[in-house]
């Protein structure tokens, strides 16, 4: 049995919920990584680390856009935040969501 299929059989509805709410609410993945019973679960660890990296990327983009446009770009913040809903929905369905740049980065860093 492959590692991915073993991970898929261990995913509980609680894991899916924690992973899903971690994308739009960035403090949740930090809490997950600090909880003893959650941090060793592969599905949750993958999504928590990916969520943190994805949110950092979004907030850097918001900061750059706002700075370059002298504050007018701040209206893009809610639009970019909506991008977190796609991986949240996908993780709630029990998938290991692949975000093109972010997933490759965290795997190359051996964070997951």
PDB file of N, CA and C in Angstrom:
ATOM      1  N   UNK A   1       0.855  -1.171   0.000  1.00  0.00           N
ATOM      2  CA  UNK A   1       0.000   0.000   0.000  1.00  0.00           C
ATOM      3  C   UNK A   1       0.899   1.232   0.000  1.00  0.00           C
ATOM      4  N   UNK A   2       0.584   2.198  -0.819  1.00  0.00           N
ATOM      5  CA  UNK A   2       1.418   3.393  -0.927  1.00  0.00           C
ATOM      6  C   UNK A   2       1.184   4.323   0.260  1.00  0.00           C
ATOM      7  N   UNK A   3       2.125   5.235   0.452  1.00  0.00           N
ATOM      8  CA  UNK A   3       2.033   6.185   1.563  1.00  0.00           C
ATOM      9  C   UNK A   3       0.811   7.080   1.413  1.00  0.00           C
ATOM     10  N   UNK A   4       0.501   7.479   0.174  1.00  0.00           N
ATOM     11  CA  UNK A   4      -0.632   8.377  -0.042  1.00  0.00           C
ATOM     12  C   UNK A   4      -1.948   7.681   0.282  1.00  0.00           C
ATOM     13  N   UNK A   5      -2.096   6.404  -0.085  1.00  0.00           N
ATOM     14  CA  UNK A   5      -3.343   5.716   0.205  1.00  0.00           C
ATOM     15  C   UNK A   5      -3.485   5.432   1.697  1.00  0.00           C
ATOM     16  N   UNK A   6      -2.361   5.206   2.411  1.00  0.00           N
ATOM     17  CA  UNK A   6      -2.420   5.046   3.854  1.00  0.00           C
ATOM     18  C   UNK A   6      -2.891   6.333   4.507  1.00  0.00           C
ATOM     19  N   UNK A   7      -2.403   7.474   4.023  1.00  0.00           N
ATOM     20  CA  UNK A   7      -2.803   8.765   4.551  1.00  0.00           C
ATOM     21  C   UNK A   7      -4.295   8.992   4.319  1.00  0.00           C
ATOM     22  N   UNK A   8      -4.778   8.602   3.155  1.00  0.00           N
ATOM     23  CA  UNK A   8      -6.177   8.815   2.824  1.00  0.00           C
ATOM     24  C   UNK A   8      -7.103   8.021   3.747  1.00  0.00           C
ATOM     25  N   UNK A   9      -6.699   6.821   4.180  1.00  0.00           N
ATOM     26  CA  UNK A   9      -7.571   6.022   5.031  1.00  0.00           C
ATOM     27  C   UNK A   9      -7.634   6.551   6.454  1.00  0.00           C
ATOM     28  N   UNK A  10      -6.656   7.320   6.890  1.00  0.00           N
ATOM     29  CA  UNK A  10      -6.606   7.828   8.252  1.00  0.00           C
ATOM     30  C   UNK A  10      -7.300   9.173   8.436  1.00  0.00           C
ATOM     31  N   UNK A  11      -7.802   9.772   7.400  1.00  0.00           N
ATOM     32  CA  UNK A  11      -8.354  11.128   7.476  1.00  0.00           C
ATOM     33  C   UNK A  11      -9.744  11.088   8.107  1.00  0.00           C
ATOM     34  N   UNK A  12      -9.885  11.790   9.224  1.00  0.00           N
ATOM     35  CA  UNK A  12     -11.191  11.871   9.885  1.00  0.00           C
ATOM     36  C   UNK A  12     -11.900  13.160   9.460  1.00  0.00           C
ATOM     37  N   UNK A  13     -13.163  13.252   9.801  1.00  0.00           N
ATOM     38  CA  UNK A  13     -13.910  14.475   9.483  1.00  0.00           C
ATOM     39  C   UNK A  13     -13.359  15.651  10.291  1.00  0.00           C
ATOM     40  N   UNK A  14     -12.827  15.372  11.474  1.00  0.00           N
ATOM     41  CA  UNK A  14     -12.196  16.416  12.288  1.00  0.00           C
ATOM     42  C   UNK A  14     -10.947  16.956  11.582  1.00  0.00           C
ATOM     43  N   UNK A  15     -10.154  16.050  10.995  1.00  0.00           N
ATOM     44  CA  UNK A  15      -8.968  16.466  10.243  1.00  0.00           C
ATOM     45  C   UNK A  15      -9.349  17.359   9.070  1.00  0.00           C
ATOM     46  N   UNK A  16     -10.388  16.972   8.364  1.00  0.00           N
ATOM     47  CA  UNK A  16     -10.836  17.753   7.206  1.00  0.00           C
ATOM     48  C   UNK A  16     -11.278  19.153   7.630  1.00  0.00           C
ATOM     49  N   UNK A  17     -11.990  19.227   8.742  1.00  0.00           N
ATOM     50  CA  UNK A  17     -12.478  20.521   9.223  1.00  0.00           C
ATOM     51  C   UNK A  17     -11.327  21.427   9.638  1.00  0.00           C
ATOM     52  N   UNK A  18     -10.371  20.900  10.415  1.00  0.00           N
ATOM     53  CA  UNK A  18      -9.206  21.690  10.830  1.00  0.00           C
ATOM     54  C   UNK A  18      -8.418  22.170   9.622  1.00  0.00           C
ATOM     55  N   UNK A  19      -8.232  21.290   8.629  1.00  0.00           N
ATOM     56  CA  UNK A  19      -7.474  21.667   7.428  1.00  0.00           C
ATOM     57  C   UNK A  19      -8.211  22.756   6.650  1.00  0.00           C
ATOM     58  N   UNK A  20      -9.528  22.627   6.533  1.00  0.00           N
ATOM     59  CA  UNK A  20     -10.304  23.583   5.745  1.00  0.00           C
ATOM     60  C   UNK A  20     -10.331  24.969   6.377  1.00  0.00           C
ATOM     61  N   UNK A  21     -10.530  25.048   7.681  1.00  0.00           N
ATOM     62  CA  UNK A  21     -10.613  26.379   8.302  1.00  0.00           C
ATOM     63  C   UNK A  21      -9.239  27.024   8.450  1.00  0.00           C
ATOM     64  N   UNK A  22      -8.192  26.249   8.245  1.00  0.00           N
ATOM     65  CA  UNK A  22      -6.841  26.798   8.338  1.00  0.00           C
ATOM     66  C   UNK A  22      -6.461  27.710   7.195  1.00  0.00           C
ATOM     67  N   UNK A  23      -7.085  27.556   6.047  1.00  0.00           N
ATOM     68  CA  UNK A  23      -6.734  28.415   4.909  1.00  0.00           C
ATOM     69  C   UNK A  23      -7.289  29.833   5.059  1.00  0.00           C
ATOM     70  N   UNK A  24      -8.579  30.022   5.309  1.00  0.00           N
ATOM     71  CA  UNK A  24      -9.070  31.408   5.433  1.00  0.00           C
ATOM     72  C   UNK A  24      -8.747  32.068   6.776  1.00  0.00           C
ATOM     73  N   UNK A  25      -8.442  31.275   7.817  1.00  0.00           N
ATOM     74  CA  UNK A  25      -8.116  31.832   9.124  1.00  0.00           C
ATOM     75  C   UNK A  25      -6.686  31.418   9.463  1.00  0.00           C
ATOM     76  N   UNK A  26      -5.707  32.273   9.168  1.00  0.00           N
ATOM     77  CA  UNK A  26      -4.294  31.878   9.239  1.00  0.00           C
ATOM     78  C   UNK A  26      -3.768  31.475  10.619  1.00  0.00           C
ATOM     79  N   UNK A  27      -4.427  31.829  11.699  1.00  0.00           N
ATOM     80  CA  UNK A  27      -3.940  31.440  13.028  1.00  0.00           C
ATOM     81  C   UNK A  27      -4.211  29.960  13.315  1.00  0.00           C
ATOM     82  N   UNK A  28      -5.203  29.387  12.664  1.00  0.00           N
ATOM     83  CA  UNK A  28      -5.588  27.995  12.916  1.00  0.00           C
ATOM     84  C   UNK A  28      -4.453  27.015  12.608  1.00  0.00           C
ATOM     85  N   UNK A  29      -3.748  27.118  11.467  1.00  0.00           N
ATOM     86  CA  UNK A  29      -2.667  26.154  11.222  1.00  0.00           C
ATOM     87  C   UNK A  29      -1.539  26.237  12.248  1.00  0.00           C
ATOM     88  N   UNK A  30      -1.309  27.419  12.797  1.00  0.00           N
ATOM     89  CA  UNK A  30      -0.289  27.558  13.835  1.00  0.00           C
ATOM     90  C   UNK A  30      -0.742  26.805  15.089  1.00  0.00           C
ATOM     91  N   UNK A  31      -2.013  26.937  15.418  1.00  0.00           N
ATOM     92  CA  UNK A  31      -2.571  26.212  16.561  1.00  0.00           C
ATOM     93  C   UNK A  31      -2.484  24.706  16.325  1.00  0.00           C
ATOM     94  N   UNK A  32      -2.808  24.264  15.116  1.00  0.00           N
ATOM     95  CA  UNK A  32      -2.751  22.830  14.779  1.00  0.00           C
ATOM     96  C   UNK A  32      -1.340  22.292  14.977  1.00  0.00           C
ATOM     97  N   UNK A  33      -0.334  23.045  14.543  1.00  0.00           N
ATOM     98  CA  UNK A  33       1.047  22.583  14.674  1.00  0.00           C
ATOM     99  C   UNK A  33       1.530  22.583  16.124  1.00  0.00           C
ATOM    100  N   UNK A  34       0.838  23.281  17.008  1.00  0.00           N
ATOM    101  CA  UNK A  34       1.202  23.294  18.424  1.00  0.00           C
ATOM    102  C   UNK A  34       0.427  22.265  19.254  1.00  0.00           C
ATOM    103  N   UNK A  35      -0.647  21.718  18.704  1.00  0.00           N
ATOM    104  CA  UNK A  35      -1.451  20.729  19.427  1.00  0.00           C
ATOM    105  C   UNK A  35      -0.799  19.350  19.320  1.00  0.00           C
ATOM    106  N   UNK A  36      -0.576  18.706  20.459  1.00  0.00           N
ATOM    107  CA  UNK A  36       0.114  17.412  20.486  1.00  0.00           C
ATOM    108  C   UNK A  36      -0.607  16.337  19.677  1.00  0.00           C
ATOM    109  N   UNK A  37      -1.922  16.266  19.786  1.00  0.00           N
ATOM    110  CA  UNK A  37      -2.644  15.199  19.097  1.00  0.00           C
ATOM    111  C   UNK A  37      -2.861  15.479  17.610  1.00  0.00           C
ATOM    112  N   UNK A  38      -2.632  16.686  17.158  1.00  0.00           N
ATOM    113  CA  UNK A  38      -2.872  17.045  15.748  1.00  0.00           C
ATOM    114  C   UNK A  38      -1.589  17.140  14.921  1.00  0.00           C
ATOM    115  N   UNK A  39      -0.498  17.576  15.509  1.00  0.00           N
ATOM    116  CA  UNK A  39       0.692  17.893  14.722  1.00  0.00           C
ATOM    117  C   UNK A  39       1.358  16.691  14.072  1.00  0.00           C
ATOM    118  N   UNK A  40       1.075  15.481  14.541  1.00  0.00           N
ATOM    119  CA  UNK A  40       1.682  14.289  13.958  1.00  0.00           C
ATOM    120  C   UNK A  40       0.813  13.625  12.898  1.00  0.00           C
ATOM    121  N   UNK A  41      -0.339  14.183  12.627  1.00  0.00           N
ATOM    122  CA  UNK A  41      -1.224  13.619  11.593  1.00  0.00           C
ATOM    123  C   UNK A  41      -0.783  14.162  10.235  1.00  0.00           C
ATOM    124  N   UNK A  42      -0.383  13.282   9.295  1.00  0.00           N
ATOM    125  CA  UNK A  42       0.203  13.730   8.022  1.00  0.00           C
ATOM    126  C   UNK A  42      -0.701  14.662   7.208  1.00  0.00           C
ATOM    127  N   UNK A  43      -1.990  14.383   7.154  1.00  0.00           N
ATOM    128  CA  UNK A  43      -2.923  15.217   6.393  1.00  0.00           C
ATOM    129  C   UNK A  43      -2.981  16.622   6.981  1.00  0.00           C
ATOM    130  N   UNK A  44      -3.099  16.706   8.297  1.00  0.00           N
ATOM    131  CA  UNK A  44      -3.169  18.016   8.949  1.00  0.00           C
ATOM    132  C   UNK A  44      -1.851  18.768   8.850  1.00  0.00           C
ATOM    133  N   UNK A  45      -0.746  18.068   9.024  1.00  0.00           N
ATOM    134  CA  UNK A  45       0.558  18.727   8.944  1.00  0.00           C
ATOM    135  C   UNK A  45       0.780  19.301   7.557  1.00  0.00           C
ATOM    136  N   UNK A  46       0.448  18.520   6.509  1.00  0.00           N
ATOM    137  CA  UNK A  46       0.592  18.989   5.132  1.00  0.00           C
ATOM    138  C   UNK A  46      -0.206  20.272   4.914  1.00  0.00           C
ATOM    139  N   UNK A  47      -1.481  20.243   5.294  1.00  0.00           N
ATOM    140  CA  UNK A  47      -2.341  21.407   5.053  1.00  0.00           C
ATOM    141  C   UNK A  47      -1.981  22.594   5.945  1.00  0.00           C
ATOM    142  N   UNK A  48      -1.540  22.334   7.176  1.00  0.00           N
ATOM    143  CA  UNK A  48      -1.170  23.440   8.064  1.00  0.00           C
ATOM    144  C   UNK A  48       0.044  24.185   7.511  1.00  0.00           C
ATOM    145  N   UNK A  49       1.064  23.443   7.113  1.00  0.00           N
ATOM    146  CA  UNK A  49       2.269  24.081   6.580  1.00  0.00           C
ATOM    147  C   UNK A  49       1.980  24.767   5.257  1.00  0.00           C
ATOM    148  N   UNK A  50       1.209  24.107   4.403  1.00  0.00           N
ATOM    149  CA  UNK A  50       0.873  24.716   3.114  1.00  0.00           C
ATOM    150  C   UNK A  50       0.011  25.963   3.311  1.00  0.00           C
ATOM    151  N   UNK A  51      -0.892  25.931   4.263  1.00  0.00           N
ATOM    152  CA  UNK A  51      -1.745  27.084   4.538  1.00  0.00           C
ATOM    153  C   UNK A  51      -0.932  28.280   5.013  1.00  0.00           C
ATOM    154  N   UNK A  52       0.025  28.028   5.893  1.00  0.00           N
ATOM    155  CA  UNK A  52       0.880  29.115   6.379  1.00  0.00           C
ATOM    156  C   UNK A  52       1.670  29.722   5.217  1.00  0.00           C
ATOM    157  N   UNK A  53       2.267  28.871   4.388  1.00  0.00           N
ATOM    158  CA  UNK A  53       3.045  29.364   3.245  1.00  0.00           C
ATOM    159  C   UNK A  53       2.157  30.125   2.262  1.00  0.00           C
ATOM    160  N   UNK A  54       0.961  29.609   2.006  1.00  0.00           N
ATOM    161  CA  UNK A  54       0.034  30.247   1.067  1.00  0.00           C
ATOM    162  C   UNK A  54      -0.422  31.606   1.599  1.00  0.00           C
ATOM    163  N   UNK A  55      -0.728  31.680   2.889  1.00  0.00           N
ATOM    164  CA  UNK A  55      -1.163  32.956   3.475  1.00  0.00           C
ATOM    165  C   UNK A  55      -0.037  33.975   3.504  1.00  0.00           C
ATOM    166  N   UNK A  56       1.182  33.522   3.763  1.00  0.00           N
ATOM    167  CA  UNK A  56       2.319  34.449   3.707  1.00  0.00           C
ATOM    168  C   UNK A  56       2.460  34.996   2.296  1.00  0.00           C
ATOM    169  N   UNK A  57       2.345  34.133   1.292  1.00  0.00           N
ATOM    170  CA  UNK A  57       2.427  34.561  -0.104  1.00  0.00           C
ATOM    171  C   UNK A  57       1.336  35.576  -0.442  1.00  0.00           C
ATOM    172  N   UNK A  58       0.125  35.328   0.011  1.00  0.00           N
ATOM    173  CA  UNK A  58      -0.986  36.254  -0.258  1.00  0.00           C
ATOM    174  C   UNK A  58      -0.745  37.606   0.410  1.00  0.00           C
ATOM    175  N   UNK A  59      -0.300  37.596   1.664  1.00  0.00           N
ATOM    176  CA  UNK A  59      -0.093  38.870   2.362  1.00  0.00           C
ATOM    177  C   UNK A  59       1.100  39.645   1.817  1.00  0.00           C
ATOM    178  N   UNK A  60       2.102  38.947   1.333  1.00  0.00           N
ATOM    179  CA  UNK A  60       3.212  39.640   0.663  1.00  0.00           C
ATOM    180  C   UNK A  60       2.699  40.298  -0.621  1.00  0.00           C
ATOM    181  N   UNK A  61       1.879  39.569  -1.379  1.00  0.00           N
ATOM    182  CA  UNK A  61       1.310  40.132  -2.609  1.00  0.00           C
ATOM    183  C   UNK A  61       0.435  41.348  -2.306  1.00  0.00           C
ATOM    184  N   UNK A  62      -0.375  41.260  -1.265  1.00  0.00           N
ATOM    185  CA  UNK A  62      -1.221  42.395  -0.879  1.00  0.00           C
ATOM    186  C   UNK A  62      -0.366  43.600  -0.492  1.00  0.00           C
ATOM    187  N   UNK A  63       0.685  43.370   0.267  1.00  0.00           N
ATOM    188  CA  UNK A  63       1.570  44.458   0.691  1.00  0.00           C
ATOM    189  C   UNK A  63       2.260  45.109  -0.501  1.00  0.00           C
ATOM    190  N   UNK A  64       2.750  44.302  -1.426  1.00  0.00           N
ATOM    191  CA  UNK A  64       3.425  44.845  -2.607  1.00  0.00           C
ATOM    192  C   UNK A  64       2.452  45.632  -3.476  1.00  0.00           C
ATOM    193  N   UNK A  65       1.279  45.064  -3.713  1.00  0.00           N
ATOM    194  CA  UNK A  65       0.278  45.747  -4.546  1.00  0.00           C
ATOM    195  C   UNK A  65      -0.144  47.060  -3.892  1.00  0.00           C
ATOM    196  N   UNK A  66      -0.354  47.058  -2.583  1.00  0.00           N
ATOM    197  CA  UNK A  66      -0.762  48.268  -1.867  1.00  0.00           C
ATOM    198  C   UNK A  66       0.333  49.324  -1.904  1.00  0.00           C
ATOM    199  N   UNK A  67       1.575  48.901  -1.739  1.00  0.00           N
ATOM    200  CA  UNK A  67       2.696  49.842  -1.752  1.00  0.00           C
ATOM    201  C   UNK A  67       2.888  50.461  -3.135  1.00  0.00           C
ATOM    202  N   UNK A  68       2.842  49.640  -4.154  1.00  0.00           N
ATOM    203  CA  UNK A  68       3.068  50.123  -5.520  1.00  0.00           C
ATOM    204  C   UNK A  68       1.968  51.081  -5.964  1.00  0.00           C
ATOM    205  N   UNK A  69       0.743  50.811  -5.554  1.00  0.00           N
ATOM    206  CA  UNK A  69      -0.375  51.654  -5.986  1.00  0.00           C
ATOM    207  C   UNK A  69      -0.717  52.750  -4.981  1.00  0.00           C
ATOM    208  N   UNK A  70       0.174  52.976  -4.016  1.00  0.00           N
ATOM    209  CA  UNK A  70      -0.003  54.023  -2.997  1.00  0.00           C
ATOM    210  C   UNK A  70      -1.311  53.878  -2.225  1.00  0.00           C
ATOM    211  N   UNK A  71      -1.645  52.645  -1.863  1.00  0.00           N
ATOM    212  CA  UNK A  71      -2.807  52.384  -1.031  1.00  0.00           C
ATOM    213  C   UNK A  71      -4.066  52.011  -1.771  1.00  0.00           C
ATOM    214  N   UNK A  72      -4.159  52.340  -3.044  1.00  0.00           N
ATOM    215  CA  UNK A  72      -5.368  52.036  -3.805  1.00  0.00           C
ATOM    216  C   UNK A  72      -5.529  50.525  -3.988  1.00  0.00           C
ATOM    217  N   UNK A  73      -4.426  49.813  -4.060  1.00  0.00           N
ATOM    218  CA  UNK A  73      -4.463  48.361  -4.243  1.00  0.00           C
ATOM    219  C   UNK A  73      -4.980  47.601  -3.047  1.00  0.00           C
ATOM    220  N   UNK A  74      -5.204  48.291  -1.930  1.00  0.00           N
ATOM    221  CA  UNK A  74      -5.717  47.618  -0.734  1.00  0.00           C
ATOM    222  C   UNK A  74      -7.101  47.022  -0.969  1.00  0.00           C
ATOM    223  N   UNK A  75      -7.801  47.522  -1.982  1.00  0.00           N
ATOM    224  CA  UNK A  75      -9.108  46.938  -2.282  1.00  0.00           C
ATOM    225  C   UNK A  75      -8.958  45.533  -2.870  1.00  0.00           C
ATOM    226  N   UNK A  76      -7.747  45.155  -3.250  1.00  0.00           N
ATOM    227  CA  UNK A  76      -7.487  43.806  -3.760  1.00  0.00           C
ATOM    228  C   UNK A  76      -7.398  42.780  -2.637  1.00  0.00           C
ATOM    229  N   UNK A  77      -7.222  43.223  -1.404  1.00  0.00           N
ATOM    230  CA  UNK A  77      -7.043  42.307  -0.280  1.00  0.00           C
ATOM    231  C   UNK A  77      -8.198  41.312  -0.146  1.00  0.00           C
ATOM    232  N   UNK A  78      -9.453  41.754  -0.174  1.00  0.00           N
ATOM    233  CA  UNK A  78     -10.538  40.771  -0.070  1.00  0.00           C
ATOM    234  C   UNK A  78     -10.576  39.807  -1.259  1.00  0.00           C
ATOM    235  N   UNK A  79     -10.224  40.282  -2.415  1.00  0.00           N
ATOM    236  CA  UNK A  79     -10.224  39.422  -3.605  1.00  0.00           C
ATOM    237  C   UNK A  79      -9.144  38.347  -3.479  1.00  0.00           C
ATOM    238  N   UNK A  80      -7.959  38.747  -3.024  1.00  0.00           N
ATOM    239  CA  UNK A  80      -6.896  37.764  -2.839  1.00  0.00           C
ATOM    240  C   UNK A  80      -7.224  36.817  -1.692  1.00  0.00           C
ATOM    241  N   UNK A  81      -7.899  37.294  -0.661  1.00  0.00           N
ATOM    242  CA  UNK A  81      -8.299  36.425   0.440  1.00  0.00           C
ATOM    243  C   UNK A  81      -9.267  35.354  -0.047  1.00  0.00           C
ATOM    244  N   UNK A  82     -10.109  35.693  -1.012  1.00  0.00           N
ATOM    245  CA  UNK A  82     -11.051  34.705  -1.558  1.00  0.00           C
ATOM    246  C   UNK A  82     -10.329  33.522  -2.198  1.00  0.00           C
ATOM    247  N   UNK A  83      -9.075  33.723  -2.589  1.00  0.00           N
ATOM    248  CA  UNK A  83      -8.297  32.626  -3.169  1.00  0.00           C
ATOM    249  C   UNK A  83      -8.051  31.515  -2.150  1.00  0.00           C
ATOM    250  N   UNK A  84      -8.181  31.800  -0.862  1.00  0.00           N
ATOM    251  CA  UNK A  84      -7.986  30.764   0.154  1.00  0.00           C
ATOM    252  C   UNK A  84      -9.169  29.804   0.240  1.00  0.00           C
ATOM    253  N   UNK A  85     -10.286  30.176  -0.345  1.00  0.00           N
ATOM    254  CA  UNK A  85     -11.469  29.323  -0.254  1.00  0.00           C
ATOM    255  C   UNK A  85     -11.357  28.076  -1.125  1.00  0.00           C
ATOM    256  N   UNK A  86     -10.620  28.156  -2.238  1.00  0.00           N
ATOM    257  CA  UNK A  86     -10.453  26.979  -3.096  1.00  0.00           C
ATOM    258  C   UNK A  86      -9.693  25.862  -2.378  1.00  0.00           C
ATOM    259  N   UNK A  87      -8.499  26.108  -1.800  1.00  0.00           N
ATOM    260  CA  UNK A  87      -7.845  25.000  -1.101  1.00  0.00           C
ATOM    261  C   UNK A  87      -8.601  24.571   0.153  1.00  0.00           C
ATOM    262  N   UNK A  88      -9.340  25.482   0.775  1.00  0.00           N
ATOM    263  CA  UNK A  88     -10.144  25.117   1.946  1.00  0.00           C
ATOM    264  C   UNK A  88     -11.215  24.106   1.546  1.00  0.00           C
ATOM    265  N   UNK A  89     -11.907  24.374   0.468  1.00  0.00           N
ATOM    266  CA  UNK A  89     -12.945  23.466  -0.015  1.00  0.00           C
ATOM    267  C   UNK A  89     -12.348  22.123  -0.431  1.00  0.00           C
ATOM    268  N   UNK A  90     -11.216  22.182  -1.120  1.00  0.00           N
ATOM    269  CA  UNK A  90     -10.577  20.955  -1.592  1.00  0.00           C
ATOM    270  C   UNK A  90     -10.074  20.108  -0.424  1.00  0.00           C
ATOM    271  N   UNK A  91      -9.518  20.736   0.595  1.00  0.00           N
ATOM    272  CA  UNK A  91      -9.037  19.977   1.757  1.00  0.00           C
ATOM    273  C   UNK A  91     -10.207  19.413   2.557  1.00  0.00           C
ATOM    274  N   UNK A  92     -11.331  20.114   2.579  1.00  0.00           N
ATOM    275  CA  UNK A  92     -12.513  19.591   3.271  1.00  0.00           C
ATOM    276  C   UNK A  92     -13.046  18.342   2.590  1.00  0.00           C
ATOM    277  N   UNK A  93     -12.777  18.220   1.303  1.00  0.00           N
ATOM    278  CA  UNK A  93     -13.163  17.012   0.568  1.00  0.00           C
ATOM    279  C   UNK A  93     -12.168  15.874   0.769  1.00  0.00           C
ATOM    280  N   UNK A  94     -11.108  16.104   1.541  1.00  0.00           N
ATOM    281  CA  UNK A  94     -10.156  15.057   1.860  1.00  0.00           C
ATOM    282  C   UNK A  94      -8.996  14.944   0.899  1.00  0.00           C
ATOM    283  N   UNK A  95      -8.782  15.936   0.068  1.00  0.00           N
ATOM    284  CA  UNK A  95      -7.699  15.902  -0.918  1.00  0.00           C
ATOM    285  C   UNK A  95      -6.446  16.583  -0.394  1.00  0.00           C
ATOM    286  N   UNK A  96      -5.299  16.118  -0.862  1.00  0.00           N
ATOM    287  CA  UNK A  96      -4.039  16.815  -0.606  1.00  0.00           C
ATOM    288  C   UNK A  96      -3.900  17.856  -1.711  1.00  0.00           C
ATOM    289  N   UNK A  97      -4.392  19.029  -1.456  1.00  0.00           N
ATOM    290  CA  UNK A  97      -4.458  20.108  -2.437  1.00  0.00           C
ATOM    291  C   UNK A  97      -3.071  20.477  -2.940  1.00  0.00           C
ATOM    292  N   UNK A  98      -2.938  20.606  -4.249  1.00  0.00           N
ATOM    293  CA  UNK A  98      -1.672  20.997  -4.870  1.00  0.00           C
ATOM    294  C   UNK A  98      -1.784  22.441  -5.342  1.00  0.00           C
ATOM    295  N   UNK A  99      -1.160  23.358  -4.613  1.00  0.00           N
ATOM    296  CA  UNK A  99      -1.095  24.762  -5.027  1.00  0.00           C
ATOM    297  C   UNK A  99       0.225  24.897  -5.779  1.00  0.00           C
ATOM    298  N   UNK A 100       0.185  25.235  -7.075  1.00  0.00           N
ATOM    299  CA  UNK A 100       1.360  25.112  -7.945  1.00  0.00           C
ATOM    300  C   UNK A 100       2.710  25.538  -7.374  1.00  0.00           C
ATOM    301  N   UNK A 101       2.909  26.733  -6.968  1.00  0.00           N
ATOM    302  CA  UNK A 101       4.224  27.174  -6.507  1.00  0.00           C
ATOM    303  C   UNK A 101       4.449  26.790  -5.045  1.00  0.00           C
ATOM    304  N   UNK A 102       3.429  26.921  -4.242  1.00  0.00           N
ATOM    305  CA  UNK A 102       3.544  26.718  -2.802  1.00  0.00           C
ATOM    306  C   UNK A 102       3.853  25.261  -2.463  1.00  0.00           C
ATOM    307  N   UNK A 103       3.124  24.324  -3.053  1.00  0.00           N
ATOM    308  CA  UNK A 103       3.330  22.907  -2.757  1.00  0.00           C
ATOM    309  C   UNK A 103       4.731  22.465  -3.152  1.00  0.00           C
ATOM    310  N   UNK A 104       5.185  22.886  -4.321  1.00  0.00           N
ATOM    311  CA  UNK A 104       6.539  22.533  -4.748  1.00  0.00           C
ATOM    312  C   UNK A 104       7.579  23.090  -3.782  1.00  0.00           C
ATOM    313  N   UNK A 105       7.377  24.320  -3.329  1.00  0.00           N
ATOM    314  CA  UNK A 105       8.321  24.957  -2.419  1.00  0.00           C
ATOM    315  C   UNK A 105       8.415  24.214  -1.086  1.00  0.00           C
ATOM    316  N   UNK A 106       7.260  23.903  -0.479  1.00  0.00           N
ATOM    317  CA  UNK A 106       7.307  23.259   0.834  1.00  0.00           C
ATOM    318  C   UNK A 106       7.835  21.831   0.745  1.00  0.00           C
ATOM    319  N   UNK A 107       7.632  21.176  -0.386  1.00  0.00           N
ATOM    320  CA  UNK A 107       8.196  19.828  -0.556  1.00  0.00           C
ATOM    321  C   UNK A 107       9.710  19.891  -0.759  1.00  0.00           C
ATOM    322  N   UNK A 108      10.201  20.869  -1.510  1.00  0.00           N
ATOM    323  CA  UNK A 108      11.643  21.007  -1.713  1.00  0.00           C
ATOM    324  C   UNK A 108      12.355  21.387  -0.431  1.00  0.00           C
ATOM    325  N   UNK A 109      11.672  22.081   0.474  1.00  0.00           N
ATOM    326  CA  UNK A 109      12.259  22.460   1.762  1.00  0.00           C
ATOM    327  C   UNK A 109      12.170  21.315   2.788  1.00  0.00           C
ATOM    328  N   UNK A 110      11.528  20.202   2.395  1.00  0.00           N
ATOM    329  CA  UNK A 110      11.296  19.045   3.286  1.00  0.00           C
ATOM    330  C   UNK A 110      10.493  19.410   4.533  1.00  0.00           C
ATOM    331  N   UNK A 111       9.555  20.313   4.370  1.00  0.00           N
ATOM    332  CA  UNK A 111       8.688  20.694   5.481  1.00  0.00           C
ATOM    333  C   UNK A 111       7.529  19.710   5.616  1.00  0.00           C
ATOM    334  N   UNK A 112       7.216  19.023   4.527  1.00  0.00           N
ATOM    335  CA  UNK A 112       6.148  17.998   4.564  1.00  0.00           C
ATOM    336  C   UNK A 112       6.678  16.710   3.979  1.00  0.00           C
TER     337      UNK A 112
END
